[in-house]
PDB file of N, CA and C in Angstrom:
ATOM      1  N   MET A   1      49.272  58.701  92.502  1.00  0.00           N
ATOM      2  CA  MET A   1      50.458  58.271  93.247  1.00  0.00           C
ATOM      3  C   MET A   1      50.627  59.068  94.674  1.00  0.00           C
ATOM      4  N   LEU A   2      50.007  60.030  94.726  1.00  0.00           N
ATOM      5  CA  LEU A   2      50.250  60.867  95.993  1.00  0.00           C
ATOM      6  C   LEU A   2      49.406  60.006  97.188  1.00  0.00           C
ATOM      7  N   PHE A   3      48.143  59.646  96.627  1.00  0.00           N
ATOM      8  CA  PHE A   3      47.336  58.864  97.566  1.00  0.00           C
ATOM      9  C   PHE A   3      48.248  57.591  98.215  1.00  0.00           C
ATOM     10  N   THR A   4      48.918  56.905  97.270  1.00  0.00           N
ATOM     11  CA  THR A   4      49.587  55.648  97.540  1.00  0.00           C
ATOM     12  C   THR A   4      50.571  55.938  98.450  1.00  0.00           C
ATOM     13  N   PHE A   5      51.442  57.083  98.085  1.00  0.00           N
ATOM     14  CA  PHE A   5      52.548  57.396  99.107  1.00  0.00           C
ATOM     15  C   PHE A   5      51.952  57.699 100.488  1.00  0.00           C
ATOM     16  N   ALA A   6      50.877  58.541 100.693  1.00  0.00           N
ATOM     17  CA  ALA A   6      50.451  58.861 101.809  1.00  0.00           C
ATOM     18  C   ALA A   6      49.813  57.893 102.469  1.00  0.00           C
ATOM     19  N   SER A   7      49.117  56.788 101.744  1.00  0.00           N
ATOM     20  CA  SER A   7      48.469  55.718 102.247  1.00  0.00           C
ATOM     21  C   SER A   7      49.689  54.835 103.072  1.00  0.00           C
ATOM     22  N   ALA A   8      50.681  54.598 102.168  1.00  0.00           N
ATOM     23  CA  ALA A   8      51.686  53.713 102.848  1.00  0.00           C
ATOM     24  C   ALA A   8      52.436  54.444 103.869  1.00  0.00           C
ATOM     25  N   TYR A   9      52.558  55.661 103.995  1.00  0.00           N
ATOM     26  CA  TYR A   9      53.158  56.248 105.227  1.00  0.00           C
ATOM     27  C   TYR A   9      52.437  56.167 106.352  1.00  0.00           C
ATOM     28  N   LEU A  10      51.145  56.455 106.251  1.00  0.00           N
ATOM     29  CA  LEU A  10      50.004  56.392 107.269  1.00  0.00           C
ATOM     30  C   LEU A  10      50.143  55.063 108.110  1.00  0.00           C
ATOM     31  N   VAL A  11      50.256  53.852 107.047  1.00  0.00           N
ATOM     32  CA  VAL A  11      50.194  52.559 107.731  1.00  0.00           C
ATOM     33  C   VAL A  11      51.490  52.310 108.282  1.00  0.00           C
ATOM     34  N   ALA A  12      52.600  52.795 107.810  1.00  0.00           N
ATOM     35  CA  ALA A  12      53.808  52.438 108.585  1.00  0.00           C
ATOM     36  C   ALA A  12      53.945  53.138 109.714  1.00  0.00           C
ATOM     37  N   VAL A  13      53.279  54.424 109.886  1.00  0.00           N
ATOM     38  CA  VAL A  13      53.383  55.425 111.113  1.00  0.00           C
ATOM     39  C   VAL A  13      52.304  54.580 112.149  1.00  0.00           C
ATOM     40  N   TYR A  14      51.415  54.286 111.805  1.00  0.00           N
ATOM     41  CA  TYR A  14      50.467  53.422 112.483  1.00  0.00           C
ATOM     42  C   TYR A  14      50.949  52.225 113.029  1.00  0.00           C
ATOM     43  N   LEU A  15      51.643  51.722 112.228  1.00  0.00           N
ATOM     44  CA  LEU A  15      52.263  50.345 112.781  1.00  0.00           C
ATOM     45  C   LEU A  15      53.662  50.611 113.658  1.00  0.00           C
ATOM     46  N   VAL A  16      54.331  51.171 113.245  1.00  0.00           N
ATOM     47  CA  VAL A  16      55.637  51.205 113.890  1.00  0.00           C
ATOM     48  C   VAL A  16      56.150  52.767 114.120  1.00  0.00           C
ATOM     49  N   GLY A  17      55.074  53.707 114.156  1.00  0.00           N
ATOM     50  CA  GLY A  17      55.679  55.013 114.404  1.00  0.00           C
ATOM     51  C   GLY A  17      56.311  55.264 115.773  1.00  0.00           C
ATOM     52  N   THR A  18      55.585  54.634 116.637  1.00  0.00           N
ATOM     53  CA  THR A  18      56.136  54.924 118.060  1.00  0.00           C
ATOM     54  C   THR A  18      57.477  54.010 118.302  1.00  0.00           C
ATOM     55  N   LYS A  19      58.021  53.028 117.613  1.00  0.00           N
ATOM     56  CA  LYS A  19      59.134  52.273 117.793  1.00  0.00           C
ATOM     57  C   LYS A  19      60.395  53.003 117.028  1.00  0.00           C
ATOM     58  N   LEU A  20      60.106  53.975 116.055  1.00  0.00           N
ATOM     59  CA  LEU A  20      61.172  54.479 115.451  1.00  0.00           C
ATOM     60  C   LEU A  20      62.279  55.315 116.230  1.00  0.00           C
ATOM     61  N   THR A  21      63.225  55.108 115.950  1.00  0.00           N
ATOM     62  CA  THR A  21      64.463  55.977 116.569  1.00  0.00           C
ATOM     63  C   THR A  21      64.297  57.233 115.662  1.00  0.00           C
ATOM     64  N   ARG A  22      65.140  58.345 116.169  1.00  0.00           N
ATOM     65  CA  ARG A  22      65.132  59.398 115.687  1.00  0.00           C
ATOM     66  C   ARG A  22      65.790  59.442 114.122  1.00  0.00           C
ATOM     67  N   GLY A  23      66.793  58.516 114.015  1.00  0.00           N
ATOM     68  CA  GLY A  23      67.390  58.390 112.836  1.00  0.00           C
ATOM     69  C   GLY A  23      66.468  57.948 111.731  1.00  0.00           C
ATOM     70  N   GLN A  24      65.584  56.617 112.190  1.00  0.00           N
ATOM     71  CA  GLN A  24      64.737  56.089 111.189  1.00  0.00           C
ATOM     72  C   GLN A  24      63.713  57.106 111.012  1.00  0.00           C
ATOM     73  N   LEU A  25      63.210  57.876 112.057  1.00  0.00           N
ATOM     74  CA  LEU A  25      62.076  58.786 111.785  1.00  0.00           C
ATOM     75  C   LEU A  25      62.504  59.735 110.665  1.00  0.00           C
ATOM     76  N   THR A  26      63.784  60.264 110.635  1.00  0.00           N
ATOM     77  CA  THR A  26      64.090  61.026 109.838  1.00  0.00           C
ATOM     78  C   THR A  26      64.083  60.547 108.159  1.00  0.00           C
ATOM     79  N   VAL A  27      64.501  59.330 108.336  1.00  0.00           N
ATOM     80  CA  VAL A  27      64.933  58.685 106.726  1.00  0.00           C
ATOM     81  C   VAL A  27      63.474  58.509 106.293  1.00  0.00           C
ATOM     82  N   VAL A  28      62.396  57.987 107.133  1.00  0.00           N
ATOM     83  CA  VAL A  28      60.963  58.059 106.675  1.00  0.00           C
ATOM     84  C   VAL A  28      60.497  59.047 106.318  1.00  0.00           C
ATOM     85  N   ASN A  29      60.740  60.185 107.058  1.00  0.00           N
ATOM     86  CA  ASN A  29      60.102  61.360 106.683  1.00  0.00           C
ATOM     87  C   ASN A  29      60.560  62.100 105.548  1.00  0.00           C
ATOM     88  N   VAL A  30      61.934  62.115 105.298  1.00  0.00           N
ATOM     89  CA  VAL A  30      62.532  62.474 104.066  1.00  0.00           C
ATOM     90  C   VAL A  30      62.018  61.858 102.972  1.00  0.00           C
ATOM     91  N   GLY A  31      62.196  60.472 102.844  1.00  0.00           N
ATOM     92  CA  GLY A  31      61.735  59.731 101.776  1.00  0.00           C
ATOM     93  C   GLY A  31      60.500  59.894 101.303  1.00  0.00           C
ATOM     94  N   PHE A  32      59.348  60.180 102.467  1.00  0.00           N
ATOM     95  CA  PHE A  32      58.072  60.462 102.160  1.00  0.00           C
ATOM     96  C   PHE A  32      57.951  61.842 101.452  1.00  0.00           C
ATOM     97  N   VAL A  33      58.572  63.062 102.169  1.00  0.00           N
ATOM     98  CA  VAL A  33      58.562  64.204 101.469  1.00  0.00           C
ATOM     99  C   VAL A  33      59.070  64.285 100.017  1.00  0.00           C
ATOM    100  N   ILE A  34      60.136  63.529  99.879  1.00  0.00           N
ATOM    101  CA  ILE A  34      60.699  63.440  98.566  1.00  0.00           C
ATOM    102  C   ILE A  34      59.868  62.878  97.474  1.00  0.00           C
ATOM    103  N   ALA A  35      59.168  61.626  97.944  1.00  0.00           N
ATOM    104  CA  ALA A  35      58.306  60.875  97.076  1.00  0.00           C
ATOM    105  C   ALA A  35      57.063  61.943  96.716  1.00  0.00           C
ATOM    106  N   TRP A  36      56.635  62.650  97.930  1.00  0.00           N
ATOM    107  CA  TRP A  36      55.585  63.546  97.590  1.00  0.00           C
ATOM    108  C   TRP A  36      56.029  64.781  96.638  1.00  0.00           C
ATOM    109  N   ALA A  37      56.991  65.239  96.896  1.00  0.00           N
ATOM    110  CA  ALA A  37      57.461  66.164  95.704  1.00  0.00           C
ATOM    111  C   ALA A  37      57.735  65.773  94.468  1.00  0.00           C
ATOM    112  N   LEU A  38      58.334  64.780  94.288  1.00  0.00           N
ATOM    113  CA  LEU A  38      58.405  64.134  92.827  1.00  0.00           C
ATOM    114  C   LEU A  38      57.133  64.150  92.055  1.00  0.00           C
ATOM    115  N   SER A  39      56.073  63.187  92.808  1.00  0.00           N
ATOM    116  CA  SER A  39      55.109  62.911  92.234  1.00  0.00           C
ATOM    117  C   SER A  39      54.074  63.830  92.282  1.00  0.00           C
ATOM    118  N   SER A  40      54.137  65.063  93.028  1.00  0.00           N
ATOM    119  CA  SER A  40      53.578  66.511  92.980  1.00  0.00           C
ATOM    120  C   SER A  40      53.697  67.079  91.554  1.00  0.00           C
ATOM    121  N   PHE A  41      54.976  67.201  91.584  1.00  0.00           N
ATOM    122  CA  PHE A  41      55.734  67.950  90.464  1.00  0.00           C
ATOM    123  C   PHE A  41      55.103  67.194  89.006  1.00  0.00           C
ATOM    124  N   SER A  42      55.236  65.863  88.999  1.00  0.00           N
ATOM    125  CA  SER A  42      54.898  65.514  87.947  1.00  0.00           C
ATOM    126  C   SER A  42      53.466  65.737  87.645  1.00  0.00           C
ATOM    127  N   LEU A  43      52.583  65.339  88.672  1.00  0.00           N
ATOM    128  CA  LEU A  43      51.082  65.672  88.453  1.00  0.00           C
ATOM    129  C   LEU A  43      50.757  67.177  88.001  1.00  0.00           C
ATOM    130  N   SER A  44      51.649  67.908  88.820  1.00  0.00           N
ATOM    131  CA  SER A  44      51.040  69.175  88.349  1.00  0.00           C
ATOM    132  C   SER A  44      51.628  69.687  86.993  1.00  0.00           C
ATOM    133  N   GLU A  45      52.577  69.028  86.466  1.00  0.00           N
ATOM    134  CA  GLU A  45      52.979  69.381  85.047  1.00  0.00           C
ATOM    135  C   GLU A  45      51.949  68.822  84.149  1.00  0.00           C
ATOM    136  N   THR A  46      51.447  67.521  84.494  1.00  0.00           N
ATOM    137  CA  THR A  46      50.571  66.968  83.566  1.00  0.00           C
ATOM    138  C   THR A  46      49.418  67.566  83.649  1.00  0.00           C
ATOM    139  N   LEU A  47      48.786  68.203  84.566  1.00  0.00           N
ATOM    140  CA  LEU A  47      47.798  68.914  84.671  1.00  0.00           C
ATOM    141  C   LEU A  47      48.023  70.324  83.907  1.00  0.00           C
ATOM    142  N   ARG A  48      48.983  70.850  84.172  1.00  0.00           N
ATOM    143  CA  ARG A  48      49.204  72.128  83.370  1.00  0.00           C
ATOM    144  C   ARG A  48      49.236  71.823  81.851  1.00  0.00           C
ATOM    145  N   ASN A  49      49.726  70.849  81.399  1.00  0.00           N
ATOM    146  CA  ASN A  49      49.899  70.551  80.010  1.00  0.00           C
ATOM    147  C   ASN A  49      48.512  70.189  79.390  1.00  0.00           C
ATOM    148  N   LEU A  50      47.587  69.422  80.261  1.00  0.00           N
ATOM    149  CA  LEU A  50      46.405  69.204  79.792  1.00  0.00           C
ATOM    150  C   LEU A  50      45.586  70.640  79.716  1.00  0.00           C
ATOM    151  N   ASN A  51      45.616  71.357  80.752  1.00  0.00           N
ATOM    152  CA  ASN A  51      44.872  72.643  80.633  1.00  0.00           C
ATOM    153  C   ASN A  51      45.337  73.443  79.235  1.00  0.00           C
ATOM    154  N   ARG A  52      46.564  73.422  78.987  1.00  0.00           N
ATOM    155  CA  ARG A  52      47.011  74.003  77.572  1.00  0.00           C
ATOM    156  C   ARG A  52      46.414  73.352  76.489  1.00  0.00           C
ATOM    157  N   LEU A  53      46.570  72.049  76.319  1.00  0.00           N
ATOM    158  CA  LEU A  53      45.501  71.297  75.269  1.00  0.00           C
ATOM    159  C   LEU A  53      44.134  71.719  75.365  1.00  0.00           C
ATOM    160  N   ILE A  54      43.439  71.698  76.440  1.00  0.00           N
ATOM    161  CA  ILE A  54      41.820  72.016  76.442  1.00  0.00           C
ATOM    162  C   ILE A  54      41.841  73.510  76.057  1.00  0.00           C
ATOM    163  N   ALA A  55      42.799  74.514  76.439  1.00  0.00           N
ATOM    164  CA  ALA A  55      42.711  75.855  75.831  1.00  0.00           C
ATOM    165  C   ALA A  55      42.767  75.777  74.481  1.00  0.00           C
ATOM    166  N   LEU A  56      43.538  75.105  73.735  1.00  0.00           N
ATOM    167  CA  LEU A  56      43.712  75.051  72.322  1.00  0.00           C
ATOM    168  C   LEU A  56      42.427  74.674  71.482  1.00  0.00           C
ATOM    169  N   GLN A  57      41.718  73.826  72.090  1.00  0.00           N
ATOM    170  CA  GLN A  57      40.540  73.218  71.450  1.00  0.00           C
ATOM    171  C   GLN A  57      39.187  74.427  71.623  1.00  0.00           C
ATOM    172  N   GLU A  58      38.734  74.580  70.700  1.00  0.00           N
ATOM    173  CA  GLU A  58      37.644  75.559  70.729  1.00  0.00           C
ATOM    174  C   GLU A  58      36.317  74.856  71.234  1.00  0.00           C
ATOM    175  N   ASN A  59      35.966  73.721  70.918  1.00  0.00           N
ATOM    176  CA  ASN A  59      34.621  73.331  71.058  1.00  0.00           C
ATOM    177  C   ASN A  59      34.503  72.415  72.603  1.00  0.00           C
ATOM    178  N   ILE A  60      35.629  72.373  73.225  1.00  0.00           N
ATOM    179  CA  ILE A  60      35.778  71.648  74.503  1.00  0.00           C
ATOM    180  C   ILE A  60      35.388  72.725  75.513  1.00  0.00           C
ATOM    181  N   GLN A  61      34.709  72.493  76.307  1.00  0.00           N
ATOM    182  CA  GLN A  61      34.381  73.356  77.703  1.00  0.00           C
ATOM    183  C   GLN A  61      35.809  73.773  78.355  1.00  0.00           C
ATOM    184  N   GLN A  62      36.203  74.849  78.743  1.00  0.00           N
ATOM    185  CA  GLN A  62      37.113  75.313  79.399  1.00  0.00           C
ATOM    186  C   GLN A  62      37.166  74.537  80.890  1.00  0.00           C
ATOM    187  N   PRO A  63      38.333  74.281  81.472  1.00  0.00           N
ATOM    188  CA  PRO A  63      38.411  73.858  82.764  1.00  0.00           C
ATOM    189  C   PRO A  63      37.843  74.721  83.899  1.00  0.00           C
ATOM    190  N   ILE A  64      37.625  74.154  85.161  1.00  0.00           N
ATOM    191  CA  ILE A  64      37.088  75.257  86.050  1.00  0.00           C
ATOM    192  C   ILE A  64      38.148  75.800  86.547  1.00  0.00           C
ATOM    193  N   PRO A  65      37.782  77.170  86.654  1.00  0.00           N
ATOM    194  CA  PRO A  65      38.981  78.362  87.148  1.00  0.00           C
ATOM    195  C   PRO A  65      39.769  77.938  88.215  1.00  0.00           C
ATOM    196  N   TYR A  66      39.199  77.477  89.104  1.00  0.00           N
ATOM    197  CA  TYR A  66      39.827  77.257  90.392  1.00  0.00           C
ATOM    198  C   TYR A  66      40.425  75.861  90.541  1.00  0.00           C
ATOM    199  N   ALA A  67      40.385  74.944  89.588  1.00  0.00           N
ATOM    200  CA  ALA A  67      40.943  73.754  89.621  1.00  0.00           C
ATOM    201  C   ALA A  67      42.125  73.331  90.100  1.00  0.00           C
ATOM    202  N   MET A  68      43.160  74.070  89.650  1.00  0.00           N
ATOM    203  CA  MET A  68      44.468  74.172  90.043  1.00  0.00           C
ATOM    204  C   MET A  68      44.635  74.528  91.487  1.00  0.00           C
ATOM    205  N   LEU A  69      44.102  75.445  91.974  1.00  0.00           N
ATOM    206  CA  LEU A  69      44.288  75.784  93.148  1.00  0.00           C
ATOM    207  C   LEU A  69      43.492  74.657  94.049  1.00  0.00           C
ATOM    208  N   ILE A  70      42.451  74.139  93.727  1.00  0.00           N
ATOM    209  CA  ILE A  70      42.045  73.042  94.522  1.00  0.00           C
ATOM    210  C   ILE A  70      42.961  71.921  94.532  1.00  0.00           C
ATOM    211  N   PHE A  71      43.575  71.522  93.586  1.00  0.00           N
ATOM    212  CA  PHE A  71      44.567  70.653  93.358  1.00  0.00           C
ATOM    213  C   PHE A  71      45.932  70.857  94.296  1.00  0.00           C
ATOM    214  N   TYR A  72      46.304  71.952  94.561  1.00  0.00           N
ATOM    215  CA  TYR A  72      47.353  72.577  95.280  1.00  0.00           C
ATOM    216  C   TYR A  72      46.876  72.331  96.781  1.00  0.00           C
ATOM    217  N   VAL A  73      45.738  72.758  97.088  1.00  0.00           N
ATOM    218  CA  VAL A  73      45.220  72.540  98.346  1.00  0.00           C
ATOM    219  C   VAL A  73      45.275  71.385  98.570  1.00  0.00           C
ATOM    220  N   LEU A  74      44.666  70.335  97.979  1.00  0.00           N
ATOM    221  CA  LEU A  74      44.636  68.987  98.285  1.00  0.00           C
ATOM    222  C   LEU A  74      45.994  68.222  98.365  1.00  0.00           C
ATOM    223  N   GLN A  75      47.088  68.810  97.504  1.00  0.00           N
ATOM    224  CA  GLN A  75      48.381  68.366  97.579  1.00  0.00           C
ATOM    225  C   GLN A  75      49.013  68.717  98.924  1.00  0.00           C
ATOM    226  N   ALA A  76      48.837  69.890  99.468  1.00  0.00           N
ATOM    227  CA  ALA A  76      49.137  70.511 100.665  1.00  0.00           C
ATOM    228  C   ALA A  76      48.997  69.558 101.865  1.00  0.00           C
ATOM    229  N   LEU A  77      47.491  69.494 101.867  1.00  0.00           N
ATOM    230  CA  LEU A  77      46.890  68.307 102.650  1.00  0.00           C
ATOM    231  C   LEU A  77      47.429  67.091 102.908  1.00  0.00           C
ATOM    232  N   LEU A  78      47.740  66.542 101.674  1.00  0.00           N
ATOM    233  CA  LEU A  78      48.373  65.257 101.406  1.00  0.00           C
ATOM    234  C   LEU A  78      49.902  65.266 102.188  1.00  0.00           C
ATOM    235  N   LEU A  79      50.474  66.172 102.115  1.00  0.00           N
ATOM    236  CA  LEU A  79      51.903  66.509 102.810  1.00  0.00           C
ATOM    237  C   LEU A  79      51.720  66.696 104.382  1.00  0.00           C
ATOM    238  N   ILE A  80      50.838  67.710 104.538  1.00  0.00           N
ATOM    239  CA  ILE A  80      50.771  68.308 106.138  1.00  0.00           C
ATOM    240  C   ILE A  80      50.151  67.053 107.055  1.00  0.00           C
ATOM    241  N   GLY A  81      48.954  66.425 106.467  1.00  0.00           N
ATOM    242  CA  GLY A  81      48.097  65.513 107.251  1.00  0.00           C
ATOM    243  C   GLY A  81      48.987  64.297 107.693  1.00  0.00           C
ATOM    244  N   PRO A  82      49.563  63.720 106.784  1.00  0.00           N
ATOM    245  CA  PRO A  82      50.690  62.694 107.422  1.00  0.00           C
ATOM    246  C   PRO A  82      51.641  62.866 108.176  1.00  0.00           C
ATOM    247  N   LEU A  83      52.132  64.058 107.846  1.00  0.00           N
ATOM    248  CA  LEU A  83      53.334  64.512 108.833  1.00  0.00           C
ATOM    249  C   LEU A  83      53.054  64.843 110.333  1.00  0.00           C
ATOM    250  N   TYR A  84      51.657  65.542 110.222  1.00  0.00           N
ATOM    251  CA  TYR A  84      50.895  65.910 111.640  1.00  0.00           C
ATOM    252  C   TYR A  84      50.473  64.547 112.401  1.00  0.00           C
ATOM    253  N   PHE A  85      50.202  63.482 111.396  1.00  0.00           N
ATOM    254  CA  PHE A  85      49.702  62.018 112.294  1.00  0.00           C
ATOM    255  C   PHE A  85      50.751  61.653 112.832  1.00  0.00           C
ATOM    256  N   MET A  86      52.105  61.616 112.201  1.00  0.00           N
ATOM    257  CA  MET A  86      53.264  61.143 112.701  1.00  0.00           C
ATOM    258  C   MET A  86      53.660  61.758 113.987  1.00  0.00           C
ATOM    259  N   TRP A  87      53.609  63.201 113.810  1.00  0.00           N
ATOM    260  CA  TRP A  87      53.948  63.997 115.325  1.00  0.00           C
ATOM    261  C   TRP A  87      53.155  63.548 116.200  1.00  0.00           C
ATOM    262  N   SER A  88      51.770  63.495 115.834  1.00  0.00           N
ATOM    263  CA  SER A  88      50.824  63.135 116.974  1.00  0.00           C
ATOM    264  C   SER A  88      51.102  61.767 117.695  1.00  0.00           C
ATOM    265  N   ILE A  89      51.472  60.645 116.837  1.00  0.00           N
ATOM    266  CA  ILE A  89      51.854  59.652 117.358  1.00  0.00           C
ATOM    267  C   ILE A  89      52.980  59.592 118.418  1.00  0.00           C
ATOM    268  N   ARG A  90      54.093  60.218 117.687  1.00  0.00           N
ATOM    269  CA  ARG A  90      55.202  60.251 118.349  1.00  0.00           C
ATOM    270  C   ARG A  90      54.994  61.205 119.774  1.00  0.00           C
ATOM    271  N   THR A  91      54.258  62.174 119.872  1.00  0.00           N
ATOM    272  CA  THR A  91      53.881  63.044 121.037  1.00  0.00           C
ATOM    273  C   THR A  91      53.214  62.257 122.125  1.00  0.00           C
ATOM    274  N   ASN A  92      52.358  61.453 121.643  1.00  0.00           N
ATOM    275  CA  ASN A  92      51.422  60.574 122.411  1.00  0.00           C
ATOM    276  C   ASN A  92      52.183  59.535 123.121  1.00  0.00           C
ATOM    277  N   LYS A  93      53.236  59.023 122.403  1.00  0.00           N
ATOM    278  CA  LYS A  93      54.331  57.996 123.032  1.00  0.00           C
ATOM    279  C   LYS A  93      55.094  58.558 124.191  1.00  0.00           C
ATOM    280  N   LYS A  94      55.337  60.007 124.133  1.00  0.00           N
ATOM    281  CA  LYS A  94      56.293  60.426 124.999  1.00  0.00           C
ATOM    282  C   LYS A  94      55.426  60.875 126.320  1.00  0.00           C
ATOM    283  N   ASP A  95      54.030  61.449 126.008  1.00  0.00           N
ATOM    284  CA  ASP A  95      53.118  61.517 127.153  1.00  0.00           C
ATOM    285  C   ASP A  95      52.929  60.403 127.888  1.00  0.00           C
ATOM    286  N   GLU A  96      52.630  59.076 127.212  1.00  0.00           N
ATOM    287  CA  GLU A  96      52.466  57.829 127.911  1.00  0.00           C
ATOM    288  C   GLU A  96      53.453  57.477 128.890  1.00  0.00           C
ATOM    289  N   ARG A  97      54.808  57.686 128.544  1.00  0.00           N
ATOM    290  CA  ARG A  97      56.076  57.585 129.180  1.00  0.00           C
ATOM    291  C   ARG A  97      56.054  58.149 130.675  1.00  0.00           C
ATOM    292  N   ASN A  98      55.554  59.343 130.619  1.00  0.00           N
ATOM    293  CA  ASN A  98      55.759  60.503 131.598  1.00  0.00           C
ATOM    294  C   ASN A  98      54.481  60.158 132.588  1.00  0.00           C
TER     295      ASN A  98
END
């Protein structure tokens, strides 16, 4: 779901990012951050529970030690990347006017 939200946000930014008013921009950004936070929390909890179940099984290989760290880094990139893209689209719009 994180990729779905990020993809939808990026498409919206690319198509109409320069035309949004400040209020519309705030609504879009807040909606994206809330959707990202809810899906990230849900996915994090699912992965934690999966790791607990794997730890209970003796014959299953243990998960990669840094898997959760890698997951958190990817989550952060899926938040920061699209917001930076929106910022760069909006900044280029202001530069073109001057």
